[in-house]
Protein backbone atom coordinates (compact mmCIF):
# COMPACT_ATOMS: atom_id res chain seq x y z
CA MET A 1 -34.55 71.63 -34.43
CA GLU A 2 -36.87 69.87 -36.85
CA TYR A 3 -39.94 71.88 -37.84
CA SER A 4 -42.45 69.07 -37.47
CA ARG A 5 -45.69 71.04 -37.13
CA ALA A 6 -47.41 74.18 -38.37
CA PRO A 7 -45.90 77.36 -36.87
CA PRO A 8 -48.04 79.20 -34.26
CA VAL A 9 -49.91 82.36 -35.19
CA HIS A 10 -47.68 84.56 -33.04
CA ALA A 11 -44.65 83.45 -35.07
CA TRP A 12 -46.15 85.08 -38.17
CA LEU A 13 -47.04 88.21 -36.14
CA ILE A 14 -43.47 88.55 -34.85
CA LEU A 15 -42.13 88.09 -38.37
CA GLY A 16 -44.56 90.65 -39.82
CA ILE A 17 -43.57 93.34 -37.31
CA ALA A 18 -39.90 92.49 -37.84
CA VAL A 19 -40.16 92.84 -41.63
CA LEU A 20 -41.91 96.22 -41.35
CA ALA A 21 -39.28 97.48 -38.89
CA VAL A 22 -36.36 96.23 -40.97
CA SER A 23 -37.87 97.79 -44.09
CA SER A 24 -37.64 101.26 -42.61
CA ALA A 25 -33.88 101.11 -41.96
CA GLY A 26 -32.69 102.02 -45.47
CA ALA A 27 -34.71 105.22 -45.62
CA VAL A 28 -33.56 106.28 -42.13
CA PHE A 29 -29.92 105.58 -43.00
CA MET A 30 -30.31 107.81 -46.05
CA LEU A 31 -31.43 110.64 -43.77
CA MET A 32 -27.95 110.36 -42.22
CA SER A 33 -26.01 110.75 -45.47
CA GLU A 34 -23.69 113.36 -43.90
CA VAL A 35 -22.04 110.52 -41.96
CA SER A 36 -19.81 107.96 -43.71
CA PRO A 37 -21.54 104.60 -44.34
CA LEU A 38 -19.44 102.25 -42.18
CA LEU A 39 -19.65 104.67 -39.26
CA ARG A 40 -23.43 104.90 -39.68
CA ALA A 41 -23.65 101.11 -39.57
CA ALA A 42 -21.36 101.00 -36.52
CA TRP A 43 -23.50 103.57 -34.71
CA ARG A 44 -26.62 101.54 -35.33
CA LEU A 45 -25.12 98.33 -33.94
CA GLN A 46 -23.45 100.10 -31.01
CA ALA A 47 -26.85 101.46 -29.97
CA THR A 48 -28.57 98.14 -30.62
CA SER A 49 -26.00 96.38 -28.41
CA LEU A 50 -26.78 98.76 -25.55
CA VAL A 51 -30.50 98.07 -25.96
CA LEU A 52 -29.90 94.30 -25.92
CA LEU A 53 -27.45 94.31 -22.98
CA PRO A 54 -30.03 94.42 -20.12
CA PHE A 55 -32.00 91.57 -21.70
CA PHE A 56 -28.76 89.59 -22.10
CA ILE A 57 -27.87 90.07 -18.41
CA TRP A 58 -31.40 89.08 -17.37
CA GLN A 59 -31.35 85.85 -19.41
CA LEU A 60 -27.78 85.09 -18.34
CA GLN A 61 -28.86 85.14 -14.69
CA LYS A 62 -32.14 83.35 -15.31
CA THR A 63 -31.06 80.47 -17.53
CA SER A 64 -28.14 78.10 -17.83
CA PHE A 65 -26.57 77.44 -21.21
CA ASP A 66 -23.54 75.45 -22.29
CA TRP A 67 -21.09 78.01 -23.72
CA ASN A 68 -18.93 75.35 -25.37
CA PRO A 69 -16.27 76.16 -28.01
CA LYS A 70 -18.58 75.18 -30.88
CA VAL A 71 -21.21 77.67 -29.73
CA MET A 72 -18.58 80.40 -29.36
CA TRP A 73 -17.25 79.83 -32.88
CA ILE A 74 -20.76 79.95 -34.35
CA ILE A 75 -21.46 83.20 -32.49
CA LEU A 76 -18.22 84.67 -33.84
CA GLY A 77 -19.09 83.54 -37.37
CA SER A 78 -22.57 85.03 -37.06
CA GLY A 79 -21.10 88.33 -35.84
CA ILE A 80 -18.73 88.41 -38.80
CA CYS A 81 -21.65 87.77 -41.18
CA LEU A 82 -23.60 90.61 -39.57
CA TRP A 83 -20.56 92.92 -39.90
CA ILE A 84 -20.25 92.11 -43.62
CA HIS A 85 -24.00 92.44 -44.14
CA PHE A 86 -24.34 95.87 -42.55
CA GLY A 87 -21.07 97.24 -43.80
CA SER A 88 -21.66 96.31 -47.43
CA TRP A 89 -25.36 97.18 -47.43
CA VAL A 90 -25.07 100.63 -45.82
CA TRP A 91 -22.10 101.36 -48.09
CA SER A 92 -24.27 100.45 -51.08
CA LEU A 93 -26.84 103.08 -50.08
CA ASP A 94 -24.26 105.75 -50.97
CA HIS A 95 -23.38 104.12 -54.29
CA THR A 96 -26.71 103.10 -55.80
CA SER A 97 -30.39 103.97 -55.43
CA LEU A 98 -32.43 102.96 -52.38
CA ALA A 99 -34.60 100.70 -54.53
CA HIS A 100 -31.58 98.94 -56.09
CA SER A 101 -29.91 98.53 -52.72
CA LEU A 102 -32.98 97.00 -51.10
CA LEU A 103 -33.68 94.73 -54.05
CA PHE A 104 -30.17 93.30 -54.18
CA VAL A 105 -29.71 92.95 -50.42
CA THR A 106 -32.92 90.91 -50.22
CA ALA A 107 -32.10 88.68 -53.21
CA HIS A 108 -31.30 85.73 -50.94
CA PRO A 109 -34.34 83.39 -51.32
CA LEU A 110 -32.83 81.87 -54.45
CA LEU A 111 -29.52 81.41 -52.58
CA ILE A 112 -31.30 79.52 -49.80
CA VAL A 113 -33.29 77.35 -52.20
CA THR A 114 -30.06 76.55 -54.05
CA ALA A 115 -28.37 75.70 -50.75
CA MET A 116 -31.28 73.42 -49.78
CA ILE A 117 -30.94 71.56 -53.06
CA GLY A 118 -27.17 71.35 -52.63
CA LEU A 119 -27.68 69.87 -49.16
CA ARG A 120 -30.25 67.44 -50.57
CA ILE A 121 -33.07 69.04 -48.58
CA LYS A 122 -36.09 68.93 -50.84
CA PRO A 123 -38.27 72.07 -50.59
CA HIS A 124 -41.97 71.85 -51.32
CA ARG A 125 -42.68 72.71 -54.95
CA TRP A 126 -44.63 75.80 -53.85
CA GLU A 127 -41.64 76.97 -51.81
CA THR A 128 -39.43 76.68 -54.87
CA TRP A 129 -41.91 78.38 -57.19
CA GLY A 130 -42.59 81.06 -54.59
CA ALA A 131 -38.89 81.90 -54.27
CA LEU A 132 -38.49 82.05 -58.04
CA ILE A 133 -41.59 84.23 -58.45
CA CYS A 134 -40.26 86.60 -55.79
CA VAL A 135 -36.97 86.93 -57.64
CA PHE A 136 -38.86 87.42 -60.92
CA GLY A 137 -40.92 90.17 -59.28
CA ALA A 138 -37.74 91.82 -58.03
CA ILE A 139 -36.28 91.75 -61.54
CA LEU A 140 -39.40 93.46 -62.88
CA THR A 141 -39.37 96.02 -60.09
CA VAL A 142 -35.73 96.93 -60.67
CA GLN A 143 -36.67 98.35 -64.07
CA ASP A 144 -37.99 101.41 -62.23
CA ALA A 145 -35.10 101.74 -59.82
CA GLY A 146 -32.94 104.09 -61.89
CA THR A 147 -34.08 107.20 -60.04
CA GLY A 148 -30.75 107.52 -58.23
CA PRO A 149 -27.05 107.17 -59.08
CA VAL A 150 -27.09 103.43 -59.82
CA THR A 151 -23.68 101.76 -60.13
CA LEU A 152 -22.58 98.17 -60.63
CA ILE A 153 -20.30 98.27 -57.58
CA GLY A 154 -23.14 99.60 -55.43
CA ASP A 155 -25.44 96.79 -56.56
CA ALA A 156 -22.66 94.24 -55.98
CA ALA A 157 -22.07 95.54 -52.45
CA ALA A 158 -25.78 95.14 -51.65
CA PHE A 159 -25.74 91.60 -53.03
CA LEU A 160 -22.71 90.81 -50.84
CA GLY A 161 -24.92 91.85 -47.94
CA ALA A 162 -27.51 89.31 -49.11
CA ILE A 163 -24.91 86.53 -49.18
CA ALA A 164 -23.71 87.44 -45.68
CA ILE A 165 -27.20 87.45 -44.17
CA VAL A 166 -27.70 83.83 -45.29
CA GLY A 167 -24.81 82.87 -42.99
CA TYR A 168 -26.37 84.93 -40.20
CA PHE A 169 -29.69 83.10 -40.67
CA ALA A 170 -27.95 79.71 -40.73
CA ALA A 171 -26.07 80.43 -37.49
CA GLY A 172 -29.30 81.59 -35.87
CA ARG A 173 -31.06 78.40 -36.87
CA VAL A 174 -28.32 76.23 -35.36
CA LEU A 175 -28.11 78.09 -32.06
CA ARG A 176 -31.71 79.22 -31.64
CA GLY A 177 -33.18 76.06 -33.13
CA LYS A 178 -31.04 73.00 -32.57
CA GLN A 179 -29.18 74.30 -29.51
CA GLN A 180 -32.24 76.05 -28.00
CA MET A 181 -30.11 79.07 -27.11
CA PRO A 182 -32.14 81.84 -25.39
CA LEU A 183 -32.83 84.77 -27.69
CA PHE A 184 -30.82 87.53 -26.02
CA LEU A 185 -27.91 85.27 -25.09
CA TYR A 186 -27.52 84.90 -28.87
CA ALA A 187 -28.53 88.35 -30.12
CA PHE A 188 -26.35 90.50 -27.85
CA PRO A 189 -22.90 88.93 -28.43
CA VAL A 190 -23.51 88.63 -32.17
CA THR A 191 -24.57 92.28 -32.41
CA ALA A 192 -21.72 93.43 -30.17
CA ILE A 193 -19.14 91.55 -32.26
CA ALA A 194 -20.48 93.13 -35.45
CA ALA A 195 -20.51 96.58 -33.77
CA VAL A 196 -16.85 96.27 -32.73
CA LEU A 197 -15.79 95.06 -36.18
CA LEU A 198 -17.71 97.85 -37.92
CA THR A 199 -16.24 100.45 -35.58
CA LEU A 200 -12.70 99.24 -36.28
CA HIS A 201 -13.52 99.12 -40.00
CA ALA A 202 -14.72 102.73 -39.86
CA VAL A 203 -11.56 103.79 -38.01
CA PHE A 204 -9.19 102.23 -40.52
CA SER A 205 -11.21 102.84 -43.71
CA GLU A 206 -12.99 106.12 -43.09
CA GLY A 207 -10.81 107.89 -40.53
CA ALA A 208 -13.34 107.69 -37.70
CA THR A 209 -11.92 108.91 -34.40
CA PHE A 210 -12.54 108.94 -30.64
CA ASP A 211 -12.43 112.74 -30.76
CA THR A 212 -15.93 114.11 -30.14
CA ALA A 213 -15.13 117.61 -31.44
CA ILE A 214 -16.46 116.73 -34.89
CA VAL A 215 -19.60 114.67 -34.33
CA ASN A 216 -19.89 113.26 -37.85
CA VAL A 217 -16.54 111.45 -37.68
CA SER A 218 -16.62 110.43 -34.01
CA ILE A 219 -17.13 106.73 -33.31
CA PHE A 220 -19.57 107.71 -30.57
CA GLY A 221 -21.01 110.68 -32.46
CA TRP A 222 -24.47 109.13 -32.40
CA THR A 223 -24.83 110.19 -28.75
CA ASP A 224 -24.94 113.83 -29.86
CA ALA A 225 -28.37 115.46 -30.03
CA THR A 226 -27.97 115.77 -33.82
CA TRP A 227 -28.22 112.02 -34.38
CA ILE A 228 -29.41 110.33 -31.21
CA LEU A 229 -33.11 110.19 -32.12
CA LEU A 230 -32.48 108.60 -35.53
CA VAL A 231 -29.94 106.13 -34.13
CA ALA A 232 -32.25 105.32 -31.20
CA TYR A 233 -34.99 104.50 -33.70
CA LEU A 234 -32.61 102.29 -35.69
CA ALA A 235 -31.70 100.45 -32.48
CA LEU A 236 -35.24 100.00 -31.15
CA GLY A 237 -37.09 99.59 -34.46
CA PRO A 238 -35.01 97.72 -37.07
CA GLY A 239 -32.57 96.55 -34.37
CA LEU A 240 -34.71 95.23 -31.51
CA ALA A 241 -38.11 94.72 -33.14
CA GLY A 242 -36.59 93.89 -36.54
CA HIS A 243 -33.49 91.71 -36.45
CA THR A 244 -34.15 90.39 -32.95
CA GLY A 245 -37.70 89.58 -34.04
CA ILE A 246 -36.31 87.67 -37.00
CA ASN A 247 -34.04 85.76 -34.63
CA ALA A 248 -37.03 84.99 -32.42
CA SER A 249 -39.07 83.69 -35.35
CA LEU A 250 -36.27 81.28 -36.31
CA LYS A 251 -37.46 79.17 -33.38
CA TRP A 252 -40.64 78.31 -35.27
CA LEU A 253 -40.08 79.21 -38.92
CA PRO A 254 -37.56 77.81 -41.43
CA PRO A 255 -34.96 80.25 -42.82
CA LEU A 256 -36.51 80.09 -46.29
CA VAL A 257 -39.85 81.48 -45.08
CA ILE A 258 -38.12 84.29 -43.20
CA SER A 259 -35.84 85.06 -46.12
CA VAL A 260 -38.67 85.26 -48.64
CA SER A 261 -40.81 87.34 -46.27
CA VAL A 262 -37.98 89.85 -46.01
CA VAL A 263 -38.12 90.13 -49.83
CA LEU A 264 -41.07 92.45 -49.18
CA GLU A 265 -38.51 94.90 -47.80
CA PRO A 266 -37.88 96.68 -51.15
CA LEU A 267 -41.59 97.34 -51.63
CA LEU A 268 -42.10 98.61 -48.09
CA GLY A 269 -38.73 100.36 -47.97
CA VAL A 270 -39.27 102.33 -51.19
CA PHE A 271 -42.70 103.43 -49.95
CA LEU A 272 -41.24 104.55 -46.62
CA GLY A 273 -38.39 106.23 -48.49
CA TRP A 274 -40.95 108.16 -50.51
CA LEU A 275 -42.72 109.25 -47.31
CA LEU A 276 -39.40 110.49 -45.92
CA ASP A 277 -38.54 112.19 -49.24
CA VAL A 278 -35.41 110.11 -49.94
CA GLN A 279 -36.99 108.07 -52.75
CA ALA A 280 -39.10 109.10 -55.75
CA VAL A 281 -42.65 107.82 -56.17
CA PRO A 282 -42.49 104.23 -57.53
CA ASN A 283 -43.32 103.94 -61.20
CA LEU A 284 -45.01 101.37 -63.43
CA TRP A 285 -42.59 98.44 -63.11
CA THR A 286 -42.70 98.61 -59.32
CA TRP A 287 -46.48 98.26 -59.40
CA ILE A 288 -46.14 95.33 -61.82
CA GLY A 289 -43.32 93.53 -59.98
CA GLY A 290 -44.63 94.15 -56.46
CA PRO A 291 -47.64 91.81 -56.72
CA PHE A 292 -45.36 89.02 -57.99
CA MET A 293 -43.29 89.41 -54.84
CA ILE A 294 -46.39 89.27 -52.64
CA VAL A 295 -47.74 86.20 -54.46
CA GLY A 296 -44.35 84.52 -54.23
CA THR A 297 -44.17 85.15 -50.50
CA THR A 298 -47.65 83.71 -50.03
CA LEU A 299 -46.73 80.59 -52.01
CA VAL A 300 -43.67 79.99 -49.85
CA ILE A 301 -45.66 80.37 -46.63
CA VAL A 302 -48.43 78.05 -47.85
CA GLY A 303 -45.88 75.58 -49.25
CA THR A 304 -44.01 75.51 -45.94
CA ASN A 305 -47.19 74.77 -44.03
CA HIS A 306 -48.00 71.96 -46.47
CA ARG A 307 -44.53 70.47 -46.08
CA LEU A 308 -44.69 70.64 -42.28
CA THR A 309 -48.23 69.36 -41.85
CA GLU A 310 -48.66 66.77 -44.60
CA GLU A 311 -48.44 63.28 -43.14
CA PRO A 312 -46.71 60.53 -45.10
CA VAL A 313 -49.06 58.36 -47.01
CA ASP A 314 -49.53 54.93 -45.44
CA ALA A 315 -49.11 52.42 -48.26
CA ALA A 316 -51.24 49.87 -46.39
CA LYS A 317 -54.25 52.18 -46.72
CA ILE A 318 -53.94 52.58 -50.48
């Protein structure tokens, strides 16, 4: 799909709600620190898959779509990207601070701008500057992030999550944009694939089991009263309203805009983490770097609208 006109207002509203919902996930995951990280991630996507399943069945009956081999391979690739993203990111929450984890996992605007240049897609100058300013703001903000046990491997794992989500966005653009694939026909199989892969990963890497006697190591332990409310929130909030909302907005908004908007996640996530008492009150560098991130996001949004709405100059009228 070519984005040939300014996105509708409701596209920005969907994206805003999605970013707020996604931003809360890190703090909620940290409330579940008694459970191993891959299993936590698997629980979240298992529950999200169940939430998406009725919508998938409804759209499957209502619409016709060509499930050709190319589409199936892209769905599989997107599911693998989502598996890597969640597995590495949630693992990083146990090996670095919440602020560091959120900053590194959202450090993908520069990756997308670099990819655009590599593919000879010229971004608007404000898009480029906005992405760079966002990254600069994140670098400033990270100066205050040493309130937890920060490690290089934890930061690297979060950044791996950022790389993986770029592939997830790209797959979503192809299927939701160019192929016009209905939202839930895309979201459910991708989420289900990632859930299965994370569950298997947790079984082989963390010793997760089908045995429900010990809830915290059971692959379906989230159904216990101890965890069901938190996991239900992760499925309905960050899962349905968040990631599915991001998928929905891909129909109208380029991946760069979505990616840079999600860069607000560290700022929102640290604040929510503070409210839930899993993150210390942000200090000076967060207050300095945060406005840079907001300004950068605004520049990208304005630059995108300029690029999509500016008409080519007619030389005959000059």
